[in-house]
Amino acid sequence: ALVILSAPGLACWLLAQGGLSYGQALLSICLIGFALGVEYDLLAFLVARYFGMRSYTQIYALLYVCFAMGAGFAPAIFGWSFDRDKSYAGILTLACGLLLVGALSLLGLGRYRHGRQA
């Protein structure tokens, strides 16, 4: 999970550098797209393993709403940052750092609380 969720941080860092070649831009797009495809599945898996199935729907829904709100507000925040700085470099660098901190925080989760259910 750490490796997969660090990928969009790397992509944001590449994009913040500016002057990308076609290959670098394509790599960045693929890294972000791949991580977005995995995040929701990983969220569902981790909720089941750490919280069990008793309150699964409520916990997953709350986390999904938080994730969706972030995805909804991000374009406005990125646009505001561009209007202020006339560049995406600053907000992309911040996004890189936040994504890496989020990915690294997975290392502190510890063992699963709920084992595999038959």
PDB file of N, CA and C in Angstrom:
ATOM      1  N   ALA A   1       0.825  -1.196   0.000  1.00  0.00           N
ATOM      2  CA  ALA A   1       0.000   0.000   0.000  1.00  0.00           C
ATOM      3  C   ALA A   1       0.870   1.262   0.000  1.00  0.00           C
ATOM      4  N   LEU A   2       1.956   1.212   0.756  1.00  0.00           N
ATOM      5  CA  LEU A   2       2.848   2.377   0.817  1.00  0.00           C
ATOM      6  C   LEU A   2       3.400   2.713  -0.564  1.00  0.00           C
ATOM      7  N   VAL A   3       3.832   1.724  -1.289  1.00  0.00           N
ATOM      8  CA  VAL A   3       4.412   1.961  -2.610  1.00  0.00           C
ATOM      9  C   VAL A   3       3.355   2.504  -3.572  1.00  0.00           C
ATOM     10  N   ILE A   4       2.200   1.879  -3.573  1.00  0.00           N
ATOM     11  CA  ILE A   4       1.137   2.291  -4.497  1.00  0.00           C
ATOM     12  C   ILE A   4       0.651   3.703  -4.186  1.00  0.00           C
ATOM     13  N   LEU A   5       0.487   4.016  -2.899  1.00  0.00           N
ATOM     14  CA  LEU A   5      -0.031   5.332  -2.539  1.00  0.00           C
ATOM     15  C   LEU A   5       1.045   6.419  -2.541  1.00  0.00           C
ATOM     16  N   SER A   6       2.301   6.036  -2.691  1.00  0.00           N
ATOM     17  CA  SER A   6       3.362   7.029  -2.880  1.00  0.00           C
ATOM     18  C   SER A   6       3.462   7.463  -4.343  1.00  0.00           C
ATOM     19  N   ALA A   7       2.920   6.665  -5.229  1.00  0.00           N
ATOM     20  CA  ALA A   7       3.004   6.948  -6.670  1.00  0.00           C
ATOM     21  C   ALA A   7       2.437   8.316  -7.054  1.00  0.00           C
ATOM     22  N   PRO A   8       1.260   8.723  -6.546  1.00  0.00           N
ATOM     23  CA  PRO A   8       0.786  10.062  -6.940  1.00  0.00           C
ATOM     24  C   PRO A   8       1.642  11.180  -6.361  1.00  0.00           C
ATOM     25  N   GLY A   9       2.312  10.931  -5.254  1.00  0.00           N
ATOM     26  CA  GLY A   9       3.246  11.926  -4.723  1.00  0.00           C
ATOM     27  C   GLY A   9       4.407  12.141  -5.680  1.00  0.00           C
ATOM     28  N   LEU A  10       4.936  11.049  -6.204  1.00  0.00           N
ATOM     29  CA  LEU A  10       5.998  11.131  -7.204  1.00  0.00           C
ATOM     30  C   LEU A  10       5.504  11.859  -8.451  1.00  0.00           C
ATOM     31  N   ALA A  11       4.281  11.552  -8.868  1.00  0.00           N
ATOM     32  CA  ALA A  11       3.710  12.206 -10.050  1.00  0.00           C
ATOM     33  C   ALA A  11       3.569  13.709  -9.826  1.00  0.00           C
ATOM     34  N   CYS A  12       3.101  14.110  -8.658  1.00  0.00           N
ATOM     35  CA  CYS A  12       2.973  15.546  -8.369  1.00  0.00           C
ATOM     36  C   CYS A  12       4.335  16.224  -8.358  1.00  0.00           C
ATOM     37  N   TRP A  13       5.346  15.537  -7.831  1.00  0.00           N
ATOM     38  CA  TRP A  13       6.699  16.103  -7.826  1.00  0.00           C
ATOM     39  C   TRP A  13       7.202  16.293  -9.260  1.00  0.00           C
ATOM     40  N   LEU A  14       6.978  15.284 -10.109  1.00  0.00           N
ATOM     41  CA  LEU A  14       7.385  15.412 -11.511  1.00  0.00           C
ATOM     42  C   LEU A  14       6.675  16.581 -12.185  1.00  0.00           C
ATOM     43  N   LEU A  15       5.368  16.691 -11.962  1.00  0.00           N
ATOM     44  CA  LEU A  15       4.598  17.772 -12.580  1.00  0.00           C
ATOM     45  C   LEU A  15       5.035  19.141 -12.073  1.00  0.00           C
ATOM     46  N   ALA A  16       5.423  19.219 -10.802  1.00  0.00           N
ATOM     47  CA  ALA A  16       5.847  20.501 -10.225  1.00  0.00           C
ATOM     48  C   ALA A  16       7.157  20.991 -10.835  1.00  0.00           C
ATOM     49  N   GLN A  17       7.960  20.086 -11.392  1.00  0.00           N
ATOM     50  CA  GLN A  17       9.241  20.474 -11.975  1.00  0.00           C
ATOM     51  C   GLN A  17       9.067  21.279 -13.258  1.00  0.00           C
ATOM     52  N   GLY A  18       7.949  21.066 -13.948  1.00  0.00           N
ATOM     53  CA  GLY A  18       7.701  21.799 -15.185  1.00  0.00           C
ATOM     54  C   GLY A  18       8.588  21.315 -16.319  1.00  0.00           C
ATOM     55  N   GLY A  19       8.254  21.714 -17.533  1.00  0.00           N
ATOM     56  CA  GLY A  19       9.050  21.357 -18.701  1.00  0.00           C
ATOM     57  C   GLY A  19       9.175  19.867 -18.913  1.00  0.00           C
ATOM     58  N   LEU A  20       8.106  19.151 -18.707  1.00  0.00           N
ATOM     59  CA  LEU A  20       8.134  17.696 -18.833  1.00  0.00           C
ATOM     60  C   LEU A  20       8.169  17.260 -20.288  1.00  0.00           C
ATOM     61  N   SER A  21       8.843  16.163 -20.507  1.00  0.00           N
ATOM     62  CA  SER A  21       8.778  15.535 -21.821  1.00  0.00           C
ATOM     63  C   SER A  21       7.443  14.794 -21.914  1.00  0.00           C
ATOM     64  N   TYR A  22       7.136  14.349 -23.101  1.00  0.00           N
ATOM     65  CA  TYR A  22       5.903  13.579 -23.295  1.00  0.00           C
ATOM     66  C   TYR A  22       5.900  12.329 -22.408  1.00  0.00           C
ATOM     67  N   GLY A  23       7.008  11.650 -22.341  1.00  0.00           N
ATOM     68  CA  GLY A  23       7.112  10.434 -21.541  1.00  0.00           C
ATOM     69  C   GLY A  23       6.920  10.693 -20.057  1.00  0.00           C
ATOM     70  N   GLN A  24       7.515  11.784 -19.550  1.00  0.00           N
ATOM     71  CA  GLN A  24       7.358  12.129 -18.134  1.00  0.00           C
ATOM     72  C   GLN A  24       5.914  12.505 -17.811  1.00  0.00           C
ATOM     73  N   ALA A  25       5.281  13.254 -18.696  1.00  0.00           N
ATOM     74  CA  ALA A  25       3.885  13.617 -18.491  1.00  0.00           C
ATOM     75  C   ALA A  25       2.995  12.384 -18.515  1.00  0.00           C
ATOM     76  N   LEU A  26       3.245  11.486 -19.441  1.00  0.00           N
ATOM     77  CA  LEU A  26       2.480  10.244 -19.529  1.00  0.00           C
ATOM     78  C   LEU A  26       2.671   9.398 -18.278  1.00  0.00           C
ATOM     79  N   LEU A  27       3.901   9.303 -17.788  1.00  0.00           N
ATOM     80  CA  LEU A  27       4.183   8.562 -16.561  1.00  0.00           C
ATOM     81  C   LEU A  27       3.414   9.160 -15.386  1.00  0.00           C
ATOM     82  N   SER A  28       3.420  10.485 -15.270  1.00  0.00           N
ATOM     83  CA  SER A  28       2.704  11.157 -14.182  1.00  0.00           C
ATOM     84  C   SER A  28       1.215  10.855 -14.233  1.00  0.00           C
ATOM     85  N   ILE A  29       0.643  10.947 -15.415  1.00  0.00           N
ATOM     86  CA  ILE A  29      -0.783  10.670 -15.580  1.00  0.00           C
ATOM     87  C   ILE A  29      -1.095   9.228 -15.202  1.00  0.00           C
ATOM     88  N   CYS A  30      -0.265   8.300 -15.639  1.00  0.00           N
ATOM     89  CA  CYS A  30      -0.493   6.881 -15.336  1.00  0.00           C
ATOM     90  C   CYS A  30      -0.355   6.595 -13.842  1.00  0.00           C
ATOM     91  N   LEU A  31       0.628   7.205 -13.186  1.00  0.00           N
ATOM     92  CA  LEU A  31       0.802   7.005 -11.749  1.00  0.00           C
ATOM     93  C   LEU A  31      -0.401   7.508 -10.961  1.00  0.00           C
ATOM     94  N   ILE A  32      -0.897   8.668 -11.323  1.00  0.00           N
ATOM     95  CA  ILE A  32      -2.066   9.221 -10.631  1.00  0.00           C
ATOM     96  C   ILE A  32      -3.291   8.361 -10.905  1.00  0.00           C
ATOM     97  N   GLY A  33      -3.504   7.989 -12.149  1.00  0.00           N
ATOM     98  CA  GLY A  33      -4.661   7.168 -12.496  1.00  0.00           C
ATOM     99  C   GLY A  33      -4.630   5.806 -11.836  1.00  0.00           C
ATOM    100  N   PHE A  34      -3.467   5.178 -11.802  1.00  0.00           N
ATOM    101  CA  PHE A  34      -3.339   3.876 -11.166  1.00  0.00           C
ATOM    102  C   PHE A  34      -3.656   3.959  -9.676  1.00  0.00           C
ATOM    103  N   ALA A  35      -3.104   4.958  -9.010  1.00  0.00           N
ATOM    104  CA  ALA A  35      -3.342   5.107  -7.574  1.00  0.00           C
ATOM    105  C   ALA A  35      -4.809   5.407  -7.283  1.00  0.00           C
ATOM    106  N   LEU A  36      -5.432   6.208  -8.126  1.00  0.00           N
ATOM    107  CA  LEU A  36      -6.861   6.495  -7.914  1.00  0.00           C
ATOM    108  C   LEU A  36      -7.702   5.234  -8.051  1.00  0.00           C
ATOM    109  N   GLY A  37      -7.309   4.359  -8.954  1.00  0.00           N
ATOM    110  CA  GLY A  37      -8.050   3.114  -9.124  1.00  0.00           C
ATOM    111  C   GLY A  37      -7.886   2.173  -7.948  1.00  0.00           C
ATOM    112  N   VAL A  38      -6.764   2.264  -7.264  1.00  0.00           N
ATOM    113  CA  VAL A  38      -6.468   1.358  -6.160  1.00  0.00           C
ATOM    114  C   VAL A  38      -6.989   1.893  -4.825  1.00  0.00           C
ATOM    115  N   GLU A  39      -7.046   3.203  -4.659  1.00  0.00           N
ATOM    116  CA  GLU A  39      -7.365   3.789  -3.352  1.00  0.00           C
ATOM    117  C   GLU A  39      -8.711   3.332  -2.796  1.00  0.00           C
ATOM    118  N   TYR A  40      -9.732   3.313  -3.606  1.00  0.00           N
ATOM    119  CA  TYR A  40     -11.052   2.921  -3.094  1.00  0.00           C
ATOM    120  C   TYR A  40     -11.082   1.449  -2.693  1.00  0.00           C
ATOM    121  N   ASP A  41     -10.428   0.599  -3.482  1.00  0.00           N
ATOM    122  CA  ASP A  41     -10.374  -0.823  -3.136  1.00  0.00           C
ATOM    123  C   ASP A  41      -9.565  -1.037  -1.861  1.00  0.00           C
ATOM    124  N   LEU A  42      -8.464  -0.336  -1.746  1.00  0.00           N
ATOM    125  CA  LEU A  42      -7.633  -0.448  -0.562  1.00  0.00           C
ATOM    126  C   LEU A  42      -8.387   0.059   0.669  1.00  0.00           C
ATOM    127  N   LEU A  43      -9.133   1.130   0.508  1.00  0.00           N
ATOM    128  CA  LEU A  43      -9.936   1.664   1.602  1.00  0.00           C
ATOM    129  C   LEU A  43     -10.930   0.614   2.089  1.00  0.00           C
ATOM    130  N   ALA A  44     -11.616  -0.030   1.182  1.00  0.00           N
ATOM    131  CA  ALA A  44     -12.585  -1.059   1.556  1.00  0.00           C
ATOM    132  C   ALA A  44     -11.903  -2.213   2.284  1.00  0.00           C
ATOM    133  N   PHE A  45     -10.759  -2.642   1.789  1.00  0.00           N
ATOM    134  CA  PHE A  45     -10.024  -3.746   2.416  1.00  0.00           C
ATOM    135  C   PHE A  45      -9.575  -3.383   3.825  1.00  0.00           C
ATOM    136  N   LEU A  46      -8.975  -2.189   3.977  1.00  0.00           N
ATOM    137  CA  LEU A  46      -8.456  -1.790   5.280  1.00  0.00           C
ATOM    138  C   LEU A  46      -9.566  -1.578   6.307  1.00  0.00           C
ATOM    139  N   VAL A  47     -10.684  -1.044   5.887  1.00  0.00           N
ATOM    140  CA  VAL A  47     -11.812  -0.877   6.811  1.00  0.00           C
ATOM    141  C   VAL A  47     -12.273  -2.230   7.324  1.00  0.00           C
ATOM    142  N   ALA A  48     -12.385  -3.203   6.441  1.00  0.00           N
ATOM    143  CA  ALA A  48     -12.812  -4.542   6.857  1.00  0.00           C
ATOM    144  C   ALA A  48     -11.809  -5.167   7.817  1.00  0.00           C
ATOM    145  N   ARG A  49     -10.526  -5.008   7.554  1.00  0.00           N
ATOM    146  CA  ARG A  49      -9.503  -5.646   8.384  1.00  0.00           C
ATOM    147  C   ARG A  49      -9.307  -4.958   9.729  1.00  0.00           C
ATOM    148  N   TYR A  50      -9.452  -3.647   9.778  1.00  0.00           N
ATOM    149  CA  TYR A  50      -9.201  -2.937  11.027  1.00  0.00           C
ATOM    150  C   TYR A  50     -10.457  -2.728  11.872  1.00  0.00           C
ATOM    151  N   PHE A  51     -11.629  -2.682  11.251  1.00  0.00           N
ATOM    152  CA  PHE A  51     -12.847  -2.406  12.001  1.00  0.00           C
ATOM    153  C   PHE A  51     -13.840  -3.552  11.985  1.00  0.00           C
ATOM    154  N   GLY A  52     -13.618  -4.550  11.147  1.00  0.00           N
ATOM    155  CA  GLY A  52     -14.542  -5.674  11.076  1.00  0.00           C
ATOM    156  C   GLY A  52     -15.774  -5.327  10.246  1.00  0.00           C
ATOM    157  N   MET A  53     -16.715  -6.260  10.247  1.00  0.00           N
ATOM    158  CA  MET A  53     -17.884  -6.098   9.389  1.00  0.00           C
ATOM    159  C   MET A  53     -19.115  -5.546  10.124  1.00  0.00           C
ATOM    160  N   ARG A  54     -19.063  -5.488  11.445  1.00  0.00           N
ATOM    161  CA  ARG A  54     -20.235  -5.046  12.204  1.00  0.00           C
ATOM    162  C   ARG A  54     -20.680  -3.638  11.810  1.00  0.00           C
ATOM    163  N   SER A  55     -19.769  -2.713  11.736  1.00  0.00           N
ATOM    164  CA  SER A  55     -20.104  -1.324  11.377  1.00  0.00           C
ATOM    165  C   SER A  55     -19.429  -0.917  10.072  1.00  0.00           C
ATOM    166  N   TYR A  56     -19.176  -1.889   9.235  1.00  0.00           N
ATOM    167  CA  TYR A  56     -18.429  -1.653   7.998  1.00  0.00           C
ATOM    168  C   TYR A  56     -19.051  -0.550   7.151  1.00  0.00           C
ATOM    169  N   THR A  57     -20.340  -0.623   6.914  1.00  0.00           N
ATOM    170  CA  THR A  57     -20.965   0.340   5.997  1.00  0.00           C
ATOM    171  C   THR A  57     -20.879   1.767   6.517  1.00  0.00           C
ATOM    172  N   GLN A  58     -21.066   1.954   7.813  1.00  0.00           N
ATOM    173  CA  GLN A  58     -21.004   3.306   8.364  1.00  0.00           C
ATOM    174  C   GLN A  58     -19.587   3.876   8.300  1.00  0.00           C
ATOM    175  N   ILE A  59     -18.602   3.055   8.667  1.00  0.00           N
ATOM    176  CA  ILE A  59     -17.214   3.526   8.661  1.00  0.00           C
ATOM    177  C   ILE A  59     -16.735   3.779   7.238  1.00  0.00           C
ATOM    178  N   TYR A  60     -17.032   2.839   6.348  1.00  0.00           N
ATOM    179  CA  TYR A  60     -16.615   3.014   4.951  1.00  0.00           C
ATOM    180  C   TYR A  60     -17.275   4.251   4.344  1.00  0.00           C
ATOM    181  N   ALA A  61     -18.547   4.440   4.622  1.00  0.00           N
ATOM    182  CA  ALA A  61     -19.263   5.599   4.077  1.00  0.00           C
ATOM    183  C   ALA A  61     -18.658   6.905   4.572  1.00  0.00           C
ATOM    184  N   LEU A  62     -18.318   6.975   5.853  1.00  0.00           N
ATOM    185  CA  LEU A  62     -17.715   8.196   6.397  1.00  0.00           C
ATOM    186  C   LEU A  62     -16.370   8.481   5.732  1.00  0.00           C
ATOM    187  N   LEU A  63     -15.537   7.455   5.610  1.00  0.00           N
ATOM    188  CA  LEU A  63     -14.239   7.649   4.970  1.00  0.00           C
ATOM    189  C   LEU A  63     -14.390   7.986   3.488  1.00  0.00           C
ATOM    190  N   TYR A  64     -15.353   7.373   2.836  1.00  0.00           N
ATOM    191  CA  TYR A  64     -15.609   7.643   1.419  1.00  0.00           C
ATOM    192  C   TYR A  64     -16.053   9.091   1.229  1.00  0.00           C
ATOM    193  N   VAL A  65     -16.905   9.583   2.111  1.00  0.00           N
ATOM    194  CA  VAL A  65     -17.367  10.976   2.031  1.00  0.00           C
ATOM    195  C   VAL A  65     -16.186  11.930   2.205  1.00  0.00           C
ATOM    196  N   CYS A  66     -15.318  11.646   3.168  1.00  0.00           N
ATOM    197  CA  CYS A  66     -14.136  12.500   3.370  1.00  0.00           C
ATOM    198  C   CYS A  66     -13.242  12.492   2.124  1.00  0.00           C
ATOM    199  N   PHE A  67     -13.047  11.320   1.554  1.00  0.00           N
ATOM    200  CA  PHE A  67     -12.240  11.180   0.345  1.00  0.00           C
ATOM    201  C   PHE A  67     -12.882  11.945  -0.812  1.00  0.00           C
ATOM    202  N   ALA A  68     -14.187  11.794  -0.973  1.00  0.00           N
ATOM    203  CA  ALA A  68     -14.900  12.462  -2.064  1.00  0.00           C
ATOM    204  C   ALA A  68     -14.896  13.980  -1.889  1.00  0.00           C
ATOM    205  N   MET A  69     -15.008  14.452  -0.660  1.00  0.00           N
ATOM    206  CA  MET A  69     -14.958  15.898  -0.430  1.00  0.00           C
ATOM    207  C   MET A  69     -13.588  16.459  -0.805  1.00  0.00           C
ATOM    208  N   GLY A  70     -12.546  15.724  -0.455  1.00  0.00           N
ATOM    209  CA  GLY A  70     -11.200  16.153  -0.846  1.00  0.00           C
ATOM    210  C   GLY A  70     -11.059  16.209  -2.353  1.00  0.00           C
ATOM    211  N   ALA A  71     -11.575  15.200  -3.032  1.00  0.00           N
ATOM    212  CA  ALA A  71     -11.520  15.180  -4.492  1.00  0.00           C
ATOM    213  C   ALA A  71     -12.378  16.284  -5.100  1.00  0.00           C
ATOM    214  N   GLY A  72     -13.456  16.640  -4.425  1.00  0.00           N
ATOM    215  CA  GLY A  72     -14.334  17.692  -4.925  1.00  0.00           C
ATOM    216  C   GLY A  72     -13.769  19.092  -4.735  1.00  0.00           C
ATOM    217  N   PHE A  73     -13.120  19.322  -3.599  1.00  0.00           N
ATOM    218  CA  PHE A  73     -12.571  20.649  -3.314  1.00  0.00           C
ATOM    219  C   PHE A  73     -11.199  20.878  -3.938  1.00  0.00           C
ATOM    220  N   ALA A  74     -10.487  19.815  -4.251  1.00  0.00           N
ATOM    221  CA  ALA A  74      -9.119  19.950  -4.772  1.00  0.00           C
ATOM    222  C   ALA A  74      -9.023  20.812  -6.031  1.00  0.00           C
ATOM    223  N   PRO A  75      -9.898  20.646  -7.028  1.00  0.00           N
ATOM    224  CA  PRO A  75      -9.769  21.508  -8.211  1.00  0.00           C
ATOM    225  C   PRO A  75      -9.903  22.994  -7.884  1.00  0.00           C
ATOM    226  N   ALA A  76     -10.797  23.334  -6.975  1.00  0.00           N
ATOM    227  CA  ALA A  76     -10.947  24.745  -6.590  1.00  0.00           C
ATOM    228  C   ALA A  76      -9.701  25.250  -5.861  1.00  0.00           C
ATOM    229  N   ILE A  77      -9.129  24.422  -5.012  1.00  0.00           N
ATOM    230  CA  ILE A  77      -7.923  24.814  -4.282  1.00  0.00           C
ATOM    231  C   ILE A  77      -6.748  24.954  -5.235  1.00  0.00           C
ATOM    232  N   PHE A  78      -6.613  24.019  -6.167  1.00  0.00           N
ATOM    233  CA  PHE A  78      -5.540  24.118  -7.154  1.00  0.00           C
ATOM    234  C   PHE A  78      -5.730  25.358  -8.024  1.00  0.00           C
ATOM    235  N   GLY A  79      -6.964  25.656  -8.416  1.00  0.00           N
ATOM    236  CA  GLY A  79      -7.243  26.850  -9.217  1.00  0.00           C
ATOM    237  C   GLY A  79      -6.938  28.123  -8.455  1.00  0.00           C
ATOM    238  N   TRP A  80      -7.332  28.173  -7.186  1.00  0.00           N
ATOM    239  CA  TRP A  80      -7.046  29.339  -6.353  1.00  0.00           C
ATOM    240  C   TRP A  80      -5.545  29.539  -6.234  1.00  0.00           C
ATOM    241  N   SER A  81      -4.818  28.442  -6.025  1.00  0.00           N
ATOM    242  CA  SER A  81      -3.364  28.530  -5.906  1.00  0.00           C
ATOM    243  C   SER A  81      -2.738  29.050  -7.205  1.00  0.00           C
ATOM    244  N   PHE A  82      -3.234  28.573  -8.339  1.00  0.00           N
ATOM    245  CA  PHE A  82      -2.709  29.053  -9.618  1.00  0.00           C
ATOM    246  C   PHE A  82      -2.995  30.541  -9.806  1.00  0.00           C
ATOM    247  N   ASP A  83      -4.212  30.978  -9.460  1.00  0.00           N
ATOM    248  CA  ASP A  83      -4.553  32.397  -9.588  1.00  0.00           C
ATOM    249  C   ASP A  83      -3.656  33.269  -8.712  1.00  0.00           C
ATOM    250  N   ARG A  84      -3.308  32.770  -7.549  1.00  0.00           N
ATOM    251  CA  ARG A  84      -2.472  33.526  -6.621  1.00  0.00           C
ATOM    252  C   ARG A  84      -1.013  33.544  -7.049  1.00  0.00           C
ATOM    253  N   ASP A  85      -0.474  32.374  -7.429  1.00  0.00           N
ATOM    254  CA  ASP A  85       0.954  32.243  -7.710  1.00  0.00           C
ATOM    255  C   ASP A  85       1.315  32.247  -9.196  1.00  0.00           C
ATOM    256  N   LYS A  86       0.308  32.140 -10.070  1.00  0.00           N
ATOM    257  CA  LYS A  86       0.525  32.042 -11.521  1.00  0.00           C
ATOM    258  C   LYS A  86       1.355  30.805 -11.881  1.00  0.00           C
ATOM    259  N   SER A  87       1.267  29.788 -11.050  1.00  0.00           N
ATOM    260  CA  SER A  87       1.985  28.536 -11.273  1.00  0.00           C
ATOM    261  C   SER A  87       1.348  27.440 -10.424  1.00  0.00           C
ATOM    262  N   TYR A  88       1.432  26.211 -10.904  1.00  0.00           N
ATOM    263  CA  TYR A  88       0.962  25.065 -10.126  1.00  0.00           C
ATOM    264  C   TYR A  88       2.079  24.447  -9.294  1.00  0.00           C
ATOM    265  N   ALA A  89       3.296  24.926  -9.429  1.00  0.00           N
ATOM    266  CA  ALA A  89       4.445  24.296  -8.769  1.00  0.00           C
ATOM    267  C   ALA A  89       4.278  24.221  -7.256  1.00  0.00           C
ATOM    268  N   GLY A  90       3.846  25.292  -6.638  1.00  0.00           N
ATOM    269  CA  GLY A  90       3.719  25.312  -5.181  1.00  0.00           C
ATOM    270  C   GLY A  90       2.677  24.332  -4.664  1.00  0.00           C
ATOM    271  N   ILE A  91       1.510  24.331  -5.260  1.00  0.00           N
ATOM    272  CA  ILE A  91       0.443  23.452  -4.794  1.00  0.00           C
ATOM    273  C   ILE A  91       0.758  21.995  -5.124  1.00  0.00           C
ATOM    274  N   LEU A  92       1.438  21.750  -6.235  1.00  0.00           N
ATOM    275  CA  LEU A  92       1.841  20.379  -6.561  1.00  0.00           C
ATOM    276  C   LEU A  92       2.899  19.867  -5.592  1.00  0.00           C
ATOM    277  N   THR A  93       3.807  20.733  -5.180  1.00  0.00           N
ATOM    278  CA  THR A  93       4.816  20.347  -4.196  1.00  0.00           C
ATOM    279  C   THR A  93       4.158  20.051  -2.852  1.00  0.00           C
ATOM    280  N   LEU A  94       3.195  20.884  -2.467  1.00  0.00           N
ATOM    281  CA  LEU A  94       2.446  20.629  -1.228  1.00  0.00           C
ATOM    282  C   LEU A  94       1.676  19.312  -1.327  1.00  0.00           C
ATOM    283  N   ALA A  95       1.027  19.079  -2.454  1.00  0.00           N
ATOM    284  CA  ALA A  95       0.293  17.836  -2.655  1.00  0.00           C
ATOM    285  C   ALA A  95       1.234  16.641  -2.584  1.00  0.00           C
ATOM    286  N   CYS A  96       2.414  16.763  -3.146  1.00  0.00           N
ATOM    287  CA  CYS A  96       3.415  15.695  -3.082  1.00  0.00           C
ATOM    288  C   CYS A  96       3.731  15.362  -1.632  1.00  0.00           C
ATOM    289  N   GLY A  97       4.007  16.368  -0.838  1.00  0.00           N
ATOM    290  CA  GLY A  97       4.324  16.151   0.575  1.00  0.00           C
ATOM    291  C   GLY A  97       3.175  15.524   1.339  1.00  0.00           C
ATOM    292  N   LEU A  98       1.970  16.023   1.118  1.00  0.00           N
ATOM    293  CA  LEU A  98       0.808  15.480   1.828  1.00  0.00           C
ATOM    294  C   LEU A  98       0.518  14.040   1.411  1.00  0.00           C
ATOM    295  N   LEU A  99       0.664  13.748   0.144  1.00  0.00           N
ATOM    296  CA  LEU A  99       0.444  12.376  -0.316  1.00  0.00           C
ATOM    297  C   LEU A  99       1.470  11.423   0.278  1.00  0.00           C
ATOM    298  N   LEU A 100       2.710  11.857   0.368  1.00  0.00           N
ATOM    299  CA  LEU A 100       3.745  11.006   0.961  1.00  0.00           C
ATOM    300  C   LEU A 100       3.530  10.817   2.457  1.00  0.00           C
ATOM    301  N   VAL A 101       3.114  11.866   3.156  1.00  0.00           N
ATOM    302  CA  VAL A 101       2.805  11.732   4.584  1.00  0.00           C
ATOM    303  C   VAL A 101       1.643  10.762   4.781  1.00  0.00           C
ATOM    304  N   GLY A 102       0.618  10.874   3.941  1.00  0.00           N
ATOM    305  CA  GLY A 102      -0.510   9.950   4.027  1.00  0.00           C
ATOM    306  C   GLY A 102      -0.099   8.511   3.772  1.00  0.00           C
ATOM    307  N   ALA A 103       0.754   8.309   2.777  1.00  0.00           N
ATOM    308  CA  ALA A 103       1.219   6.953   2.475  1.00  0.00           C
ATOM    309  C   ALA A 103       2.077   6.413   3.618  1.00  0.00           C
ATOM    310  N   LEU A 104       2.941   7.232   4.151  1.00  0.00           N
ATOM    311  CA  LEU A 104       3.793   6.797   5.263  1.00  0.00           C
ATOM    312  C   LEU A 104       2.985   6.508   6.528  1.00  0.00           C
ATOM    313  N   SER A 105       1.873   7.185   6.693  1.00  0.00           N
ATOM    314  CA  SER A 105       1.052   6.951   7.888  1.00  0.00           C
ATOM    315  C   SER A 105       0.497   5.529   7.925  1.00  0.00           C
ATOM    316  N   LEU A 106       0.433   4.868   6.781  1.00  0.00           N
ATOM    317  CA  LEU A 106      -0.019   3.478   6.756  1.00  0.00           C
ATOM    318  C   LEU A 106       0.907   2.567   7.554  1.00  0.00           C
ATOM    319  N   LEU A 107       2.171   2.955   7.662  1.00  0.00           N
ATOM    320  CA  LEU A 107       3.125   2.137   8.409  1.00  0.00           C
ATOM    321  C   LEU A 107       2.808   2.101   9.900  1.00  0.00           C
ATOM    322  N   GLY A 108       2.061   3.062  10.389  1.00  0.00           N
ATOM    323  CA  GLY A 108       1.710   3.107  11.807  1.00  0.00           C
ATOM    324  C   GLY A 108       0.426   2.378  12.164  1.00  0.00           C
ATOM    325  N   LEU A 109      -0.204   1.737  11.207  1.00  0.00           N
ATOM    326  CA  LEU A 109      -1.481   1.077  11.492  1.00  0.00           C
ATOM    327  C   LEU A 109      -1.347  -0.174  12.344  1.00  0.00           C
ATOM    328  N   GLY A 110      -0.253  -0.856  12.279  1.00  0.00           N
ATOM    329  CA  GLY A 110      -0.080  -2.078  13.073  1.00  0.00           C
ATOM    330  C   GLY A 110      -0.787  -3.273  12.458  1.00  0.00           C
ATOM    331  N   ARG A 111      -0.902  -4.317  13.255  1.00  0.00           N
ATOM    332  CA  ARG A 111      -1.525  -5.560  12.796  1.00  0.00           C
ATOM    333  C   ARG A 111      -3.015  -5.379  12.568  1.00  0.00           C
ATOM    334  N   TYR A 112      -3.549  -6.214  11.673  1.00  0.00           N
ATOM    335  CA  TYR A 112      -4.997  -6.218  11.467  1.00  0.00           C
ATOM    336  C   TYR A 112      -5.685  -6.640  12.749  1.00  0.00           C
ATOM    337  N   ARG A 113      -6.794  -6.009  13.058  1.00  0.00           N
ATOM    338  CA  ARG A 113      -7.554  -6.379  14.258  1.00  0.00           C
ATOM    339  C   ARG A 113      -8.514  -7.515  13.995  1.00  0.00           C
ATOM    340  N   HIS A 114      -8.950  -7.637  12.765  1.00  0.00           N
ATOM    341  CA  HIS A 114      -9.901  -8.674  12.397  1.00  0.00           C
ATOM    342  C   HIS A 114      -9.271  -9.549  11.330  1.00  0.00           C
ATOM    343  N   GLY A 115      -9.229 -10.838  11.606  1.00  0.00           N
ATOM    344  CA  GLY A 115      -8.611 -11.767  10.671  1.00  0.00           C
ATOM    345  C   GLY A 115      -9.491 -12.057   9.477  1.00  0.00           C
ATOM    346  N   ARG A 116      -9.022 -12.944   8.694  1.00  0.00           N
ATOM    347  CA  ARG A 116      -9.751 -13.357   7.495  1.00  0.00           C
ATOM    348  C   ARG A 116     -11.027 -14.062   7.903  1.00  0.00           C
ATOM    349  N   GLN A 117     -12.142 -13.663   7.293  1.00  0.00           N
ATOM    350  CA  GLN A 117     -13.426 -14.283   7.630  1.00  0.00           C
ATOM    351  C   GLN A 117     -13.801 -15.272   6.576  1.00  0.00           C
ATOM    352  N   ALA A 118     -14.288 -16.440   7.013  1.00  0.00           N
ATOM    353  CA  ALA A 118     -14.646 -17.504   6.076  1.00  0.00           C
ATOM    354  C   ALA A 118     -16.010 -17.297   5.487  1.00  0.00           C
TER     355      ALA A 118
END
